[in-house]
């Protein structure tokens, strides 16, 4: 079954997890940096940043940077101006005694 919806976006079940580098780049995109500025900040090539951003578009079903940031906020990946700022532990950091 194809997880691509009629709206042109992927359903939640189609979302793949993002790498730590991709999450780092999303944070910098949210700060308003261009791909070139991100590359300079992370000391990687702009082409590498372009590839990461493209991969994130594919993984999240986003068509542009605004949609990517909306996806990240909706999924608790980024926090902006006090909105969506709960701190949930990563799944590998949850201790069974906490349950």
C-alpha atoms as a PDB file:
ATOM      1  CA  UNK A   1       0.000   0.000   0.000  1.00  0.00           C
ATOM      2  CA  UNK A   2       1.330   3.454  -0.880  1.00  0.00           C
ATOM      3  CA  UNK A   3       1.532   5.914   2.034  1.00  0.00           C
ATOM      4  CA  UNK A   4       1.362   8.947  -0.271  1.00  0.00           C
ATOM      5  CA  UNK A   5      -1.950  10.733   0.320  1.00  0.00           C
ATOM      6  CA  UNK A   6      -4.029  12.535  -2.268  1.00  0.00           C
ATOM      7  CA  UNK A   7      -2.835  15.856  -0.792  1.00  0.00           C
ATOM      8  CA  UNK A   8       0.699  15.085  -1.929  1.00  0.00           C
ATOM      9  CA  UNK A   9       1.985  14.439   1.584  1.00  0.00           C
ATOM     10  CA  UNK A  10       3.050  11.237   3.262  1.00  0.00           C
ATOM     11  CA  UNK A  11       1.033   9.731   6.069  1.00  0.00           C
ATOM     12  CA  UNK A  12       2.687   9.485   9.498  1.00  0.00           C
ATOM     13  CA  UNK A  13       3.465   5.813   8.974  1.00  0.00           C
ATOM     14  CA  UNK A  14       5.690   6.719   6.041  1.00  0.00           C
ATOM     15  CA  UNK A  15       7.924   9.041   8.086  1.00  0.00           C
ATOM     16  CA  UNK A  16      11.378   7.721   8.681  1.00  0.00           C
ATOM     17  CA  UNK A  17      13.503   8.828  11.575  1.00  0.00           C
ATOM     18  CA  UNK A  18      15.899  11.670  10.963  1.00  0.00           C
ATOM     19  CA  UNK A  19      19.604  11.368  11.733  1.00  0.00           C
ATOM     20  CA  UNK A  20      21.244  13.494  14.400  1.00  0.00           C
ATOM     21  CA  UNK A  21      22.947  15.517  11.629  1.00  0.00           C
ATOM     22  CA  UNK A  22      19.585  16.103   9.946  1.00  0.00           C
ATOM     23  CA  UNK A  23      18.139  17.259  13.264  1.00  0.00           C
ATOM     24  CA  UNK A  24      21.092  19.613  13.698  1.00  0.00           C
ATOM     25  CA  UNK A  25      20.405  21.048  10.251  1.00  0.00           C
ATOM     26  CA  UNK A  26      16.673  21.457  10.986  1.00  0.00           C
ATOM     27  CA  UNK A  27      17.595  23.521  14.058  1.00  0.00           C
ATOM     28  CA  UNK A  28      19.783  25.766  11.902  1.00  0.00           C
ATOM     29  CA  UNK A  29      17.072  26.067   9.228  1.00  0.00           C
ATOM     30  CA  UNK A  30      14.693  27.101  12.026  1.00  0.00           C
ATOM     31  CA  UNK A  31      17.210  29.778  13.037  1.00  0.00           C
ATOM     32  CA  UNK A  32      16.885  31.198   9.515  1.00  0.00           C
ATOM     33  CA  UNK A  33      20.258  30.123   8.114  1.00  0.00           C
ATOM     34  CA  UNK A  34      20.706  29.448   4.417  1.00  0.00           C
ATOM     35  CA  UNK A  35      22.271  26.194   3.217  1.00  0.00           C
ATOM     36  CA  UNK A  36      25.546  28.059   2.624  1.00  0.00           C
ATOM     37  CA  UNK A  37      25.501  29.480   6.158  1.00  0.00           C
ATOM     38  CA  UNK A  38      24.716  26.038   7.588  1.00  0.00           C
ATOM     39  CA  UNK A  39      27.632  24.565   5.637  1.00  0.00           C
ATOM     40  CA  UNK A  40      29.994  27.196   7.023  1.00  0.00           C
ATOM     41  CA  UNK A  41      28.707  26.700  10.585  1.00  0.00           C
ATOM     42  CA  UNK A  42      29.109  22.907  10.408  1.00  0.00           C
ATOM     43  CA  UNK A  43      32.305  23.026   8.312  1.00  0.00           C
ATOM     44  CA  UNK A  44      30.815  20.839   5.585  1.00  0.00           C
ATOM     45  CA  UNK A  45      30.163  21.587   1.925  1.00  0.00           C
ATOM     46  CA  UNK A  46      27.003  23.342   0.760  1.00  0.00           C
ATOM     47  CA  UNK A  47      26.358  20.342  -1.477  1.00  0.00           C
ATOM     48  CA  UNK A  48      26.278  18.099   1.612  1.00  0.00           C
ATOM     49  CA  UNK A  49      23.760  20.409   3.275  1.00  0.00           C
ATOM     50  CA  UNK A  50      21.710  20.444   0.050  1.00  0.00           C
ATOM     51  CA  UNK A  51      21.672  16.640   0.113  1.00  0.00           C
ATOM     52  CA  UNK A  52      20.640  16.504   3.777  1.00  0.00           C
ATOM     53  CA  UNK A  53      17.815  18.982   3.189  1.00  0.00           C
ATOM     54  CA  UNK A  54      16.637  17.073   0.128  1.00  0.00           C
ATOM     55  CA  UNK A  55      16.696  13.802   2.077  1.00  0.00           C
ATOM     56  CA  UNK A  56      14.675  15.417   4.871  1.00  0.00           C
ATOM     57  CA  UNK A  57      12.100  16.639   2.338  1.00  0.00           C
ATOM     58  CA  UNK A  58      11.754  13.062   1.096  1.00  0.00           C
ATOM     59  CA  UNK A  59      11.606  11.501   4.580  1.00  0.00           C
ATOM     60  CA  UNK A  60       9.016  13.958   5.869  1.00  0.00           C
ATOM     61  CA  UNK A  61       7.002  14.471   2.703  1.00  0.00           C
ATOM     62  CA  UNK A  62       7.788  18.192   2.836  1.00  0.00           C
ATOM     63  CA  UNK A  63       7.983  20.230  -0.347  1.00  0.00           C
ATOM     64  CA  UNK A  64       9.871  23.230   1.045  1.00  0.00           C
ATOM     65  CA  UNK A  65      11.640  24.606   4.135  1.00  0.00           C
ATOM     66  CA  UNK A  66       8.447  26.012   5.658  1.00  0.00           C
ATOM     67  CA  UNK A  67       6.694  22.650   5.359  1.00  0.00           C
ATOM     68  CA  UNK A  68       9.792  20.949   6.824  1.00  0.00           C
ATOM     69  CA  UNK A  69       9.733  23.258   9.850  1.00  0.00           C
ATOM     70  CA  UNK A  70       5.988  22.724  10.273  1.00  0.00           C
ATOM     71  CA  UNK A  71       6.589  18.968  10.215  1.00  0.00           C
ATOM     72  CA  UNK A  72       9.385  19.335  12.787  1.00  0.00           C
ATOM     73  CA  UNK A  73       7.149  21.374  15.104  1.00  0.00           C
ATOM     74  CA  UNK A  74       4.213  19.012  14.670  1.00  0.00           C
ATOM     75  CA  UNK A  75       6.440  16.070  15.598  1.00  0.00           C
ATOM     76  CA  UNK A  76       8.115  17.743  18.571  1.00  0.00           C
ATOM     77  CA  UNK A  77      11.512  17.996  16.866  1.00  0.00           C
ATOM     78  CA  UNK A  78      11.941  21.754  17.304  1.00  0.00           C
ATOM     79  CA  UNK A  79      10.666  24.420  19.670  1.00  0.00           C
ATOM     80  CA  UNK A  80       9.924  27.979  18.563  1.00  0.00           C
ATOM     81  CA  UNK A  81       9.190  30.912  20.868  1.00  0.00           C
ATOM     82  CA  UNK A  82       7.983  28.785  23.768  1.00  0.00           C
ATOM     83  CA  UNK A  83       5.599  26.752  21.609  1.00  0.00           C
ATOM     84  CA  UNK A  84       5.962  22.979  21.520  1.00  0.00           C
ATOM     85  CA  UNK A  85       8.802  23.008  24.057  1.00  0.00           C
ATOM     86  CA  UNK A  86       8.159  19.944  26.142  1.00  0.00           C
ATOM     87  CA  UNK A  87      11.289  17.934  26.858  1.00  0.00           C
ATOM     88  CA  UNK A  88      10.625  14.286  26.189  1.00  0.00           C
ATOM     89  CA  UNK A  89      13.444  11.782  26.621  1.00  0.00           C
ATOM     90  CA  UNK A  90      14.660   9.895  23.585  1.00  0.00           C
ATOM     91  CA  UNK A  91      13.213   6.390  23.441  1.00  0.00           C
ATOM     92  CA  UNK A  92      16.642   4.898  24.168  1.00  0.00           C
ATOM     93  CA  UNK A  93      16.920   7.034  27.323  1.00  0.00           C
ATOM     94  CA  UNK A  94      13.679   5.846  28.937  1.00  0.00           C
ATOM     95  CA  UNK A  95      14.318   3.744  32.022  1.00  0.00           C
ATOM     96  CA  UNK A  96      11.769   0.999  32.658  1.00  0.00           C
ATOM     97  CA  UNK A  97      11.476   2.204  36.279  1.00  0.00           C
ATOM     98  CA  UNK A  98      10.109   5.501  34.901  1.00  0.00           C
ATOM     99  CA  UNK A  99       7.092   3.721  33.413  1.00  0.00           C
END
